[in-house]
PDB file of all heavy atoms in Angstrom:
ATOM      1  N   LEU A   1       0.826  -1.207   0.000  1.00  0.00           N
ATOM      2  CA  LEU A   1       0.000   0.000   0.000  1.00  0.00           C
ATOM      3  C   LEU A   1       0.862   1.259   0.000  1.00  0.00           C
ATOM      4  O   LEU A   1       0.486   2.276  -0.598  1.00  0.00           O
ATOM      5  CB  LEU A   1      -0.947  -0.006   1.197  1.00  0.00           C
ATOM      6  CG  LEU A   1      -2.096  -1.010   1.113  1.00  0.00           C
ATOM      7  CD1 LEU A   1      -2.875  -1.039   2.417  1.00  0.00           C
ATOM      8  CD2 LEU A   1      -3.003  -0.702  -0.056  1.00  0.00           C
ATOM      9  N   THR A   2       2.005   1.209   0.651  1.00  0.00           N
ATOM     10  CA  THR A   2       2.922   2.350   0.606  1.00  0.00           C
ATOM     11  C   THR A   2       3.428   2.578  -0.814  1.00  0.00           C
ATOM     12  O   THR A   2       3.475   3.714  -1.286  1.00  0.00           O
ATOM     13  CB  THR A   2       4.104   2.126   1.570  1.00  0.00           C
ATOM     14  OG1 THR A   2       3.597   1.900   2.880  1.00  0.00           O
ATOM     15  CG2 THR A   2       5.033   3.322   1.595  1.00  0.00           C
ATOM     16  N   LEU A   3       3.779   1.505  -1.508  1.00  0.00           N
ATOM     17  CA  LEU A   3       4.219   1.625  -2.904  1.00  0.00           C
ATOM     18  C   LEU A   3       3.097   2.178  -3.773  1.00  0.00           C
ATOM     19  O   LEU A   3       3.333   3.048  -4.626  1.00  0.00           O
ATOM     20  CB  LEU A   3       4.698   0.282  -3.442  1.00  0.00           C
ATOM     21  CG  LEU A   3       5.211   0.289  -4.887  1.00  0.00           C
ATOM     22  CD1 LEU A   3       6.510   1.085  -4.985  1.00  0.00           C
ATOM     23  CD2 LEU A   3       5.414  -1.117  -5.393  1.00  0.00           C
ATOM     24  N   PHE A   4       1.878   1.711  -3.564  1.00  0.00           N
ATOM     25  CA  PHE A   4       0.732   2.217  -4.322  1.00  0.00           C
ATOM     26  C   PHE A   4       0.547   3.714  -4.074  1.00  0.00           C
ATOM     27  O   PHE A   4       0.333   4.491  -5.016  1.00  0.00           O
ATOM     28  CB  PHE A   4      -0.530   1.443  -3.927  1.00  0.00           C
ATOM     29  CG  PHE A   4      -1.756   1.874  -4.655  1.00  0.00           C
ATOM     30  CD1 PHE A   4      -1.936   1.577  -5.989  1.00  0.00           C
ATOM     31  CD2 PHE A   4      -2.746   2.580  -3.985  1.00  0.00           C
ATOM     32  CE1 PHE A   4      -3.073   1.980  -6.667  1.00  0.00           C
ATOM     33  CE2 PHE A   4      -3.887   2.988  -4.646  1.00  0.00           C
ATOM     34  CZ  PHE A   4      -4.049   2.688  -5.991  1.00  0.00           C
ATOM     35  N   ALA A   5       0.639   4.150  -2.817  1.00  0.00           N
ATOM     36  CA  ALA A   5       0.516   5.575  -2.491  1.00  0.00           C
ATOM     37  C   ALA A   5       1.643   6.381  -3.128  1.00  0.00           C
ATOM     38  O   ALA A   5       1.417   7.508  -3.608  1.00  0.00           O
ATOM     39  CB  ALA A   5       0.514   5.766  -0.975  1.00  0.00           C
ATOM     40  N   GLN A   6       2.847   5.827  -3.169  1.00  0.00           N
ATOM     41  CA  GLN A   6       3.963   6.528  -3.780  1.00  0.00           C
ATOM     42  C   GLN A   6       3.731   6.729  -5.277  1.00  0.00           C
ATOM     43  O   GLN A   6       4.010   7.804  -5.815  1.00  0.00           O
ATOM     44  CB  GLN A   6       5.261   5.755  -3.549  1.00  0.00           C
ATOM     45  CG  GLN A   6       5.707   5.775  -2.117  1.00  0.00           C
ATOM     46  CD  GLN A   6       6.797   4.773  -1.816  1.00  0.00           C
ATOM     47  OE1 GLN A   6       6.851   3.703  -2.424  1.00  0.00           O
ATOM     48  NE2 GLN A   6       7.656   5.100  -0.869  1.00  0.00           N
ATOM     49  N   ILE A   7       3.229   5.704  -5.947  1.00  0.00           N
ATOM     50  CA  ILE A   7       2.966   5.816  -7.387  1.00  0.00           C
ATOM     51  C   ILE A   7       1.881   6.854  -7.653  1.00  0.00           C
ATOM     52  O   ILE A   7       2.018   7.695  -8.552  1.00  0.00           O
ATOM     53  CB  ILE A   7       2.580   4.435  -7.963  1.00  0.00           C
ATOM     54  CG1 ILE A   7       3.787   3.508  -7.925  1.00  0.00           C
ATOM     55  CG2 ILE A   7       2.045   4.563  -9.384  1.00  0.00           C
ATOM     56  CD1 ILE A   7       3.466   2.061  -8.237  1.00  0.00           C
ATOM     57  N   ILE A   8       0.811   6.828  -6.862  1.00  0.00           N
ATOM     58  CA  ILE A   8      -0.279   7.794  -7.037  1.00  0.00           C
ATOM     59  C   ILE A   8       0.221   9.210  -6.791  1.00  0.00           C
ATOM     60  O   ILE A   8      -0.077  10.132  -7.564  1.00  0.00           O
ATOM     61  CB  ILE A   8      -1.459   7.457  -6.096  1.00  0.00           C
ATOM     62  CG1 ILE A   8      -2.072   6.116  -6.467  1.00  0.00           C
ATOM     63  CG2 ILE A   8      -2.509   8.559  -6.101  1.00  0.00           C
ATOM     64  CD1 ILE A   8      -2.655   6.047  -7.852  1.00  0.00           C
ATOM     65  N   LEU A   9       0.993   9.420  -5.723  1.00  0.00           N
ATOM     66  CA  LEU A   9       1.496  10.764  -5.428  1.00  0.00           C
ATOM     67  C   LEU A   9       2.469  11.255  -6.493  1.00  0.00           C
ATOM     68  O   LEU A   9       2.482  12.444  -6.820  1.00  0.00           O
ATOM     69  CB  LEU A   9       2.139  10.796  -4.049  1.00  0.00           C
ATOM     70  CG  LEU A   9       1.159  10.713  -2.886  1.00  0.00           C
ATOM     71  CD1 LEU A   9       1.899  10.659  -1.559  1.00  0.00           C
ATOM     72  CD2 LEU A   9       0.199  11.884  -2.906  1.00  0.00           C
ATOM     73  N   LEU A  10       3.281  10.362  -7.055  1.00  0.00           N
ATOM     74  CA  LEU A  10       4.164  10.778  -8.144  1.00  0.00           C
ATOM     75  C   LEU A  10       3.363  11.168  -9.381  1.00  0.00           C
ATOM     76  O   LEU A  10       3.693  12.151 -10.052  1.00  0.00           O
ATOM     77  CB  LEU A  10       5.159   9.677  -8.483  1.00  0.00           C
ATOM     78  CG  LEU A  10       6.430   9.681  -7.663  1.00  0.00           C
ATOM     79  CD1 LEU A  10       7.250   8.437  -7.944  1.00  0.00           C
ATOM     80  CD2 LEU A  10       7.257  10.912  -7.937  1.00  0.00           C
ATOM     81  N   ALA A  11       2.318  10.414  -9.687  1.00  0.00           N
ATOM     82  CA  ALA A  11       1.473  10.761 -10.831  1.00  0.00           C
ATOM     83  C   ALA A  11       0.791  12.114 -10.612  1.00  0.00           C
ATOM     84  O   ALA A  11       0.737  12.949 -11.528  1.00  0.00           O
ATOM     85  CB  ALA A  11       0.445   9.672 -11.078  1.00  0.00           C
ATOM     86  N   LEU A  12       0.285  12.342  -9.405  1.00  0.00           N
ATOM     87  CA  LEU A  12      -0.330  13.634  -9.107  1.00  0.00           C
ATOM     88  C   LEU A  12       0.691  14.766  -9.134  1.00  0.00           C
ATOM     89  O   LEU A  12       0.402  15.866  -9.613  1.00  0.00           O
ATOM     90  CB  LEU A  12      -1.025  13.586  -7.743  1.00  0.00           C
ATOM     91  CG  LEU A  12      -2.278  12.722  -7.657  1.00  0.00           C
ATOM     92  CD1 LEU A  12      -2.768  12.630  -6.224  1.00  0.00           C
ATOM     93  CD2 LEU A  12      -3.357  13.259  -8.566  1.00  0.00           C
ATOM     94  N   GLY A  13       1.881  14.500  -8.620  1.00  0.00           N
ATOM     95  CA  GLY A  13       2.936  15.510  -8.656  1.00  0.00           C
ATOM     96  C   GLY A  13       3.346  15.858 -10.068  1.00  0.00           C
ATOM     97  O   GLY A  13       3.591  17.025 -10.391  1.00  0.00           O
ATOM     98  N   LEU A  14       3.423  14.844 -10.927  1.00  0.00           N
ATOM     99  CA  LEU A  14       3.734  15.100 -12.336  1.00  0.00           C
ATOM    100  C   LEU A  14       2.642  15.919 -13.006  1.00  0.00           C
ATOM    101  O   LEU A  14       2.929  16.848 -13.775  1.00  0.00           O
ATOM    102  CB  LEU A  14       3.930  13.787 -13.099  1.00  0.00           C
ATOM    103  CG  LEU A  14       5.314  13.194 -13.106  1.00  0.00           C
ATOM    104  CD1 LEU A  14       5.302  11.821 -13.769  1.00  0.00           C
ATOM    105  CD2 LEU A  14       6.295  14.101 -13.816  1.00  0.00           C
ATOM    106  N   SER A  15       1.406  15.593 -12.729  1.00  0.00           N
ATOM    107  CA  SER A  15       0.321  16.329 -13.367  1.00  0.00           C
ATOM    108  C   SER A  15       0.227  17.750 -12.843  1.00  0.00           C
ATOM    109  O   SER A  15      -0.101  18.670 -13.582  1.00  0.00           O
ATOM    110  CB  SER A  15      -1.008  15.603 -13.170  1.00  0.00           C
ATOM    111  OG  SER A  15      -1.398  15.645 -11.821  1.00  0.00           O
ATOM    112  N   LYS A  16       0.526  17.957 -11.579  1.00  0.00           N
ATOM    113  CA  LYS A  16       0.437  19.285 -10.969  1.00  0.00           C
ATOM    114  C   LYS A  16       1.616  20.176 -11.368  1.00  0.00           C
ATOM    115  O   LYS A  16       1.445  21.351 -11.606  1.00  0.00           O
ATOM    116  CB  LYS A  16       0.401  19.121  -9.453  1.00  0.00           C
ATOM    117  CG  LYS A  16      -0.106  20.293  -8.726  1.00  0.00           C
ATOM    118  CD  LYS A  16      -1.594  20.223  -8.642  1.00  0.00           C
ATOM    119  CE  LYS A  16      -2.070  21.122  -7.548  1.00  0.00           C
ATOM    120  NZ  LYS A  16      -3.292  21.795  -7.906  1.00  0.00           N
ATOM    121  N   SER A  17       2.816  19.598 -11.441  1.00  0.00           N
ATOM    122  CA  SER A  17       4.021  20.385 -11.717  1.00  0.00           C
ATOM    123  C   SER A  17       4.347  20.484 -13.199  1.00  0.00           C
ATOM    124  O   SER A  17       5.222  21.250 -13.572  1.00  0.00           O
ATOM    125  CB  SER A  17       5.218  19.777 -10.979  1.00  0.00           C
ATOM    126  OG  SER A  17       5.012  19.807  -9.600  1.00  0.00           O
ATOM    127  N   GLY A  18       3.713  19.680 -14.008  1.00  0.00           N
ATOM    128  CA  GLY A  18       4.021  19.698 -15.436  1.00  0.00           C
ATOM    129  C   GLY A  18       4.911  18.530 -15.809  1.00  0.00           C
ATOM    130  O   GLY A  18       5.900  18.236 -15.143  1.00  0.00           O
ATOM    131  N   PHE A  19       4.550  17.867 -16.891  1.00  0.00           N
ATOM    132  CA  PHE A  19       5.270  16.671 -17.326  1.00  0.00           C
ATOM    133  C   PHE A  19       6.451  17.068 -18.208  1.00  0.00           C
ATOM    134  O   PHE A  19       6.286  17.730 -19.215  1.00  0.00           O
ATOM    135  CB  PHE A  19       4.325  15.757 -18.110  1.00  0.00           C
ATOM    136  CG  PHE A  19       4.936  14.448 -18.493  1.00  0.00           C
ATOM    137  CD1 PHE A  19       4.948  13.399 -17.611  1.00  0.00           C
ATOM    138  CD2 PHE A  19       5.528  14.285 -19.732  1.00  0.00           C
ATOM    139  CE1 PHE A  19       5.518  12.189 -17.956  1.00  0.00           C
ATOM    140  CE2 PHE A  19       6.103  13.082 -20.086  1.00  0.00           C
ATOM    141  CZ  PHE A  19       6.096  12.040 -19.198  1.00  0.00           C
ATOM    142  N   THR A  20       7.655  16.667 -17.796  1.00  0.00           N
ATOM    143  CA  THR A  20       8.848  16.827 -18.622  1.00  0.00           C
ATOM    144  C   THR A  20       9.573  15.485 -18.645  1.00  0.00           C
ATOM    145  O   THR A  20       9.324  14.615 -17.806  1.00  0.00           O
ATOM    146  CB  THR A  20       9.799  17.905 -18.069  1.00  0.00           C
ATOM    147  OG1 THR A  20      10.279  17.492 -16.795  1.00  0.00           O
ATOM    148  CG2 THR A  20       9.117  19.261 -17.957  1.00  0.00           C
ATOM    149  N   ALA A  21      10.465  15.328 -19.590  1.00  0.00           N
ATOM    150  CA  ALA A  21      11.207  14.074 -19.696  1.00  0.00           C
ATOM    151  C   ALA A  21      12.086  13.851 -18.462  1.00  0.00           C
ATOM    152  O   ALA A  21      12.223  12.718 -17.984  1.00  0.00           O
ATOM    153  CB  ALA A  21      12.049  14.063 -20.960  1.00  0.00           C
ATOM    154  N   MET A  22      12.674  14.906 -17.949  1.00  0.00           N
ATOM    155  CA  MET A  22      13.536  14.774 -16.769  1.00  0.00           C
ATOM    156  C   MET A  22      12.722  14.348 -15.548  1.00  0.00           C
ATOM    157  O   MET A  22      13.141  13.476 -14.779  1.00  0.00           O
ATOM    158  CB  MET A  22      14.257  16.086 -16.485  1.00  0.00           C
ATOM    159  CG  MET A  22      15.202  16.013 -15.299  1.00  0.00           C
ATOM    160  SD  MET A  22      16.498  14.789 -15.490  1.00  0.00           S
ATOM    161  CE  MET A  22      17.549  15.608 -16.632  1.00  0.00           C
ATOM    162  N   ARG A  23      11.556  14.941 -15.363  1.00  0.00           N
ATOM    163  CA  ARG A  23      10.711  14.554 -14.230  1.00  0.00           C
ATOM    164  C   ARG A  23      10.225  13.118 -14.378  1.00  0.00           C
ATOM    165  O   ARG A  23      10.130  12.383 -13.396  1.00  0.00           O
ATOM    166  CB  ARG A  23       9.532  15.501 -14.098  1.00  0.00           C
ATOM    167  CG  ARG A  23       9.928  16.843 -13.536  1.00  0.00           C
ATOM    168  CD  ARG A  23       8.735  17.718 -13.311  1.00  0.00           C
ATOM    169  NE  ARG A  23       9.160  18.987 -12.748  1.00  0.00           N
ATOM    170  CZ  ARG A  23       8.536  20.114 -12.922  1.00  0.00           C
ATOM    171  NH1 ARG A  23       7.425  20.157 -13.645  1.00  0.00           N
ATOM    172  NH2 ARG A  23       8.996  21.218 -12.390  1.00  0.00           N
ATOM    173  N   ALA A  24       9.916  12.715 -15.588  1.00  0.00           N
ATOM    174  CA  ALA A  24       9.485  11.330 -15.815  1.00  0.00           C
ATOM    175  C   ALA A  24      10.617  10.357 -15.478  1.00  0.00           C
ATOM    176  O   ALA A  24      10.389   9.311 -14.865  1.00  0.00           O
ATOM    177  CB  ALA A  24       9.038  11.149 -17.254  1.00  0.00           C
ATOM    178  N   ALA A  25      11.847  10.701 -15.860  1.00  0.00           N
ATOM    179  CA  ALA A  25      12.994   9.843 -15.562  1.00  0.00           C
ATOM    180  C   ALA A  25      13.262   9.779 -14.064  1.00  0.00           C
ATOM    181  O   ALA A  25      13.524   8.695 -13.509  1.00  0.00           O
ATOM    182  CB  ALA A  25      14.225  10.348 -16.311  1.00  0.00           C
ATOM    183  N   VAL A  26      13.186  10.908 -13.390  1.00  0.00           N
ATOM    184  CA  VAL A  26      13.408  10.939 -11.945  1.00  0.00           C
ATOM    185  C   VAL A  26      12.308  10.163 -11.228  1.00  0.00           C
ATOM    186  O   VAL A  26      12.578   9.389 -10.299  1.00  0.00           O
ATOM    187  CB  VAL A  26      13.489  12.396 -11.437  1.00  0.00           C
ATOM    188  CG1 VAL A  26      13.436  12.459  -9.916  1.00  0.00           C
ATOM    189  CG2 VAL A  26      14.750  13.056 -11.944  1.00  0.00           C
ATOM    190  N   GLY A  27      11.072  10.337 -11.653  1.00  0.00           N
ATOM    191  CA  GLY A  27       9.962   9.607 -11.048  1.00  0.00           C
ATOM    192  C   GLY A  27      10.087   8.108 -11.250  1.00  0.00           C
ATOM    193  O   GLY A  27       9.844   7.319 -10.335  1.00  0.00           O
ATOM    194  N   THR A  28      10.492   7.695 -12.447  1.00  0.00           N
ATOM    195  CA  THR A  28      10.681   6.275 -12.721  1.00  0.00           C
ATOM    196  C   THR A  28      11.809   5.702 -11.868  1.00  0.00           C
ATOM    197  O   THR A  28      11.680   4.614 -11.296  1.00  0.00           O
ATOM    198  CB  THR A  28      10.982   6.055 -14.211  1.00  0.00           C
ATOM    199  OG1 THR A  28       9.907   6.601 -14.978  1.00  0.00           O
ATOM    200  CG2 THR A  28      11.150   4.593 -14.532  1.00  0.00           C
ATOM    201  N   GLY A  29      12.887   6.427 -11.755  1.00  0.00           N
ATOM    202  CA  GLY A  29      13.996   5.980 -10.904  1.00  0.00           C
ATOM    203  C   GLY A  29      13.601   5.888  -9.448  1.00  0.00           C
ATOM    204  O   GLY A  29      13.999   4.952  -8.745  1.00  0.00           O
ATOM    205  N   ALA A  30      12.788   6.840  -8.981  1.00  0.00           N
ATOM    206  CA  ALA A  30      12.342   6.815  -7.587  1.00  0.00           C
ATOM    207  C   ALA A  30      11.448   5.607  -7.323  1.00  0.00           C
ATOM    208  O   ALA A  30      11.556   4.965  -6.274  1.00  0.00           O
ATOM    209  CB  ALA A  30      11.611   8.111  -7.242  1.00  0.00           C
ATOM    210  N   ILE A  31      10.594   5.258  -8.273  1.00  0.00           N
ATOM    211  CA  ILE A  31       9.714   4.103  -8.090  1.00  0.00           C
ATOM    212  C   ILE A  31      10.518   2.800  -8.152  1.00  0.00           C
ATOM    213  O   ILE A  31      10.248   1.856  -7.394  1.00  0.00           O
ATOM    214  CB  ILE A  31       8.576   4.119  -9.124  1.00  0.00           C
ATOM    215  CG1 ILE A  31       7.595   5.228  -8.758  1.00  0.00           C
ATOM    216  CG2 ILE A  31       7.856   2.792  -9.207  1.00  0.00           C
ATOM    217  CD1 ILE A  31       6.953   5.076  -7.398  1.00  0.00           C
ATOM    218  N   ILE A  32      11.493   2.728  -9.034  1.00  0.00           N
ATOM    219  CA  ILE A  32      12.352   1.533  -9.083  1.00  0.00           C
ATOM    220  C   ILE A  32      13.100   1.364  -7.760  1.00  0.00           C
ATOM    221  O   ILE A  32      13.181   0.256  -7.215  1.00  0.00           O
ATOM    222  CB  ILE A  32      13.313   1.604 -10.285  1.00  0.00           C
ATOM    223  CG1 ILE A  32      12.523   1.458 -11.584  1.00  0.00           C
ATOM    224  CG2 ILE A  32      14.411   0.550 -10.185  1.00  0.00           C
ATOM    225  CD1 ILE A  32      13.328   1.752 -12.834  1.00  0.00           C
ATOM    226  N   PHE A  33      13.635   2.458  -7.223  1.00  0.00           N
ATOM    227  CA  PHE A  33      14.309   2.415  -5.927  1.00  0.00           C
ATOM    228  C   PHE A  33      13.340   1.983  -4.834  1.00  0.00           C
ATOM    229  O   PHE A  33      13.671   1.154  -3.974  1.00  0.00           O
ATOM    230  CB  PHE A  33      14.910   3.790  -5.596  1.00  0.00           C
ATOM    231  CG  PHE A  33      15.534   3.865  -4.241  1.00  0.00           C
ATOM    232  CD1 PHE A  33      16.802   3.357  -4.020  1.00  0.00           C
ATOM    233  CD2 PHE A  33      14.852   4.435  -3.173  1.00  0.00           C
ATOM    234  CE1 PHE A  33      17.380   3.417  -2.762  1.00  0.00           C
ATOM    235  CE2 PHE A  33      15.417   4.494  -1.917  1.00  0.00           C
ATOM    236  CZ  PHE A  33      16.685   3.991  -1.710  1.00  0.00           C
ATOM    237  N   SER A  34      12.132   2.529  -4.869  1.00  0.00           N
ATOM    238  CA  SER A  34      11.138   2.189  -3.866  1.00  0.00           C
ATOM    239  C   SER A  34      10.756   0.710  -3.932  1.00  0.00           C
ATOM    240  O   SER A  34      10.595   0.057  -2.895  1.00  0.00           O
ATOM    241  CB  SER A  34       9.890   3.057  -4.059  1.00  0.00           C
ATOM    242  OG  SER A  34       8.925   2.734  -3.112  1.00  0.00           O
ATOM    243  N   PHE A  35      10.639   0.172  -5.133  1.00  0.00           N
ATOM    244  CA  PHE A  35      10.307  -1.249  -5.272  1.00  0.00           C
ATOM    245  C   PHE A  35      11.452  -2.128  -4.772  1.00  0.00           C
ATOM    246  O   PHE A  35      11.220  -3.150  -4.125  1.00  0.00           O
ATOM    247  CB  PHE A  35       9.976  -1.585  -6.727  1.00  0.00           C
ATOM    248  CG  PHE A  35       9.505  -2.984  -6.917  1.00  0.00           C
ATOM    249  CD1 PHE A  35       8.264  -3.382  -6.455  1.00  0.00           C
ATOM    250  CD2 PHE A  35      10.309  -3.924  -7.539  1.00  0.00           C
ATOM    251  CE1 PHE A  35       7.830  -4.685  -6.607  1.00  0.00           C
ATOM    252  CE2 PHE A  35       9.883  -5.232  -7.698  1.00  0.00           C
ATOM    253  CZ  PHE A  35       8.643  -5.614  -7.231  1.00  0.00           C
ATOM    254  N   ALA A  36      12.682  -1.721  -5.036  1.00  0.00           N
ATOM    255  CA  ALA A  36      13.836  -2.475  -4.531  1.00  0.00           C
ATOM    256  C   ALA A  36      13.861  -2.456  -3.002  1.00  0.00           C
ATOM    257  O   ALA A  36      14.121  -3.482  -2.360  1.00  0.00           O
ATOM    258  CB  ALA A  36      15.128  -1.899  -5.095  1.00  0.00           C
ATOM    259  N   MET A  37      13.561  -1.294  -2.407  1.00  0.00           N
ATOM    260  CA  MET A  37      13.514  -1.217  -0.948  1.00  0.00           C
ATOM    261  C   MET A  37      12.361  -2.025  -0.390  1.00  0.00           C
ATOM    262  O   MET A  37      12.478  -2.618   0.681  1.00  0.00           O
ATOM    263  CB  MET A  37      13.391   0.243  -0.488  1.00  0.00           C
ATOM    264  CG  MET A  37      14.648   1.053  -0.704  1.00  0.00           C
ATOM    265  SD  MET A  37      16.073   0.369   0.166  1.00  0.00           S
ATOM    266  CE  MET A  37      16.929  -0.479  -1.124  1.00  0.00           C
ATOM    267  N   LEU A  38      11.246  -2.095  -1.119  1.00  0.00           N
ATOM    268  CA  LEU A  38      10.120  -2.926  -0.689  1.00  0.00           C
ATOM    269  C   LEU A  38      10.570  -4.365  -0.537  1.00  0.00           C
ATOM    270  O   LEU A  38      10.275  -5.021   0.466  1.00  0.00           O
ATOM    271  CB  LEU A  38       8.977  -2.829  -1.699  1.00  0.00           C
ATOM    272  CG  LEU A  38       7.737  -3.666  -1.425  1.00  0.00           C
ATOM    273  CD1 LEU A  38       6.506  -2.917  -1.883  1.00  0.00           C
ATOM    274  CD2 LEU A  38       7.792  -5.008  -2.099  1.00  0.00           C
TER     275      LEU A  38
END
């Protein structure tokens, strides 16, 4: 559930702050790191 909340918050953060390639890459890396820590 923590991973699910992280994915939802990243999607909302991307939509609120504006989608760029750099933000998408950082968000993807953060989720990969989060899954590894899970």
